[in-house]
Structure formats: structure tokens, C-alpha cells
Amino acid sequence: MAKKSKIVAQKKREKLVAQYAERRAELKAIMKCPTASLDERMEASRKLSRLPRDSSPVRLRNRDQVDWRPPGIVDHAGVTRALFRERARG
């Protein structure tokens, strides 16, 4: 079982990612737009950097859905490899 503080931090990050997803997508689209002026792209970059760090989806961690452990997640099952083997053995 993961520490309670890690679980709370992960849930906070998930909430922030969902909250800022649309805004981040808009700013990134402006930055990638070839027709946008340099000033517009720089302003979008500044606004993006002012958003909370934890609102970036990169900061999320794949965790086990049962006990929230981080390493060795089996994607289609959503659990760690150790728990997956234990359940497979039956």
C-alpha cells in the first residue's frame, strides 16, 4: 500500500490535469500555429509556464488501482505485475 500522502498528491494532480486540460491545449495550439506572430507565441508560452506544474499530464504516475503502488503496472489490468501474477495463479 502506498503512503497516504502519495495517494492524496496523485489525486490532486489528476484533478488539476482535468481542470487545466482545455486551457493547456489552447495555449499549445497557439504555440504550434505557424500563422501566429512571434509575440502571440511568446505570450502563450509565458501563460503556459504560469499554470501550476501539477496541471501537466506528464507529472501523473501510473499506479496500481488496488493498492496504489507505482512500479510495474500491467496496462490492460491496471494492477502491478506482482498482484497480476498472484491473481493469475488463482
Protein backbone atom coordinates (compact mmCIF):
# COMPACT_ATOMS: atom_id res chain seq x y z
CA MET A 1 0.00 0.00 0.00
CA ALA A 2 1.32 3.43 -0.93
CA LYS A 3 1.65 6.18 1.66
CA LYS A 4 -1.49 8.25 2.17
CA SER A 5 0.41 11.42 1.21
CA LYS A 6 1.32 9.92 -2.19
CA ILE A 7 -2.28 8.92 -2.84
CA VAL A 8 -3.54 12.40 -1.94
CA ALA A 9 -0.87 14.05 -4.12
CA GLN A 10 -1.77 11.83 -7.09
CA LYS A 11 -5.48 12.62 -6.75
CA LYS A 12 -4.69 16.34 -6.51
CA ARG A 13 -2.63 16.12 -9.71
CA GLU A 14 -5.42 14.24 -11.51
CA LYS A 15 -7.87 16.96 -10.52
CA LEU A 16 -5.55 19.74 -11.71
CA VAL A 17 -4.83 17.98 -15.01
CA ALA A 18 -8.56 17.73 -15.70
CA GLN A 19 -9.17 21.32 -14.62
CA TYR A 20 -6.47 22.86 -16.84
CA ALA A 21 -6.55 20.43 -19.80
CA GLU A 22 -8.58 22.68 -22.09
CA ARG A 23 -6.53 25.79 -21.29
CA ARG A 24 -3.23 23.95 -21.83
CA ALA A 25 -4.48 22.62 -25.18
CA GLU A 26 -5.47 26.12 -26.33
CA LEU A 27 -2.09 27.60 -25.39
CA LYS A 28 -0.18 24.75 -27.04
CA ALA A 29 -2.23 25.16 -30.21
CA ILE A 30 -1.29 28.86 -30.33
CA MET A 31 2.37 27.98 -29.82
CA LYS A 32 2.32 25.46 -32.68
CA CYS A 33 0.31 27.64 -35.08
CA PRO A 34 2.57 28.76 -37.95
CA THR A 35 0.35 31.77 -38.72
CA ALA A 36 0.58 33.19 -35.19
CA SER A 37 3.02 36.03 -34.71
CA LEU A 38 6.12 35.62 -32.60
CA ASP A 39 4.64 37.87 -29.89
CA GLU A 40 1.48 35.74 -29.70
CA ARG A 41 3.52 32.55 -29.41
CA MET A 42 5.77 34.05 -26.74
CA GLU A 43 2.75 35.26 -24.76
CA ALA A 44 1.18 31.79 -24.99
CA SER A 45 4.44 30.31 -23.76
CA ARG A 46 4.51 32.70 -20.78
CA LYS A 47 0.90 31.89 -19.90
CA LEU A 48 1.59 28.17 -20.15
CA SER A 49 4.57 28.49 -17.82
CA ARG A 50 2.40 30.33 -15.26
CA LEU A 51 -0.01 27.40 -14.96
CA PRO A 52 0.53 25.08 -11.97
CA ARG A 53 3.21 22.47 -12.55
CA ASP A 54 0.95 19.67 -11.38
CA SER A 55 -1.54 20.54 -14.13
CA SER A 56 0.79 18.91 -16.66
CA PRO A 57 -0.25 15.34 -17.56
CA VAL A 58 3.42 14.32 -17.59
CA ARG A 59 3.51 14.61 -13.82
CA LEU A 60 0.89 11.89 -13.34
CA ARG A 61 2.16 8.48 -12.29
CA ASN A 62 0.79 5.10 -13.35
CA ARG A 63 -0.35 3.49 -10.13
CA ASP A 64 -1.98 0.22 -9.19
CA GLN A 65 -5.77 0.58 -8.93
CA VAL A 66 -5.90 -1.72 -5.89
CA ASP A 67 -3.11 -0.61 -3.55
CA TRP A 68 -1.70 2.46 -5.42
CA ARG A 69 1.84 1.09 -5.74
CA PRO A 70 3.73 2.79 -8.60
CA PRO A 71 6.15 0.34 -10.27
CA GLY A 72 5.45 -2.38 -12.83
CA ILE A 73 1.89 -1.65 -13.94
CA VAL A 74 0.24 -4.12 -16.33
CA ASP A 75 -1.69 -1.71 -18.57
CA HIS A 76 -4.71 -3.77 -19.54
CA ALA A 77 -5.27 -5.00 -15.98
CA GLY A 78 -4.44 -1.78 -14.10
CA VAL A 79 -2.52 -3.58 -11.36
CA THR A 80 1.14 -4.21 -10.55
CA ARG A 81 2.87 -7.20 -12.09
CA ALA A 82 3.17 -8.90 -8.68
CA LEU A 83 -0.56 -8.62 -8.00
CA PHE A 84 -1.31 -9.69 -11.57
CA ARG A 85 0.76 -12.89 -11.10
CA GLU A 86 -0.88 -13.59 -7.75
CA ARG A 87 -4.37 -13.28 -9.25
CA ALA A 88 -3.43 -15.31 -12.32
CA ARG A 89 -2.23 -18.18 -10.16
CA GLY A 90 -5.62 -18.24 -8.51
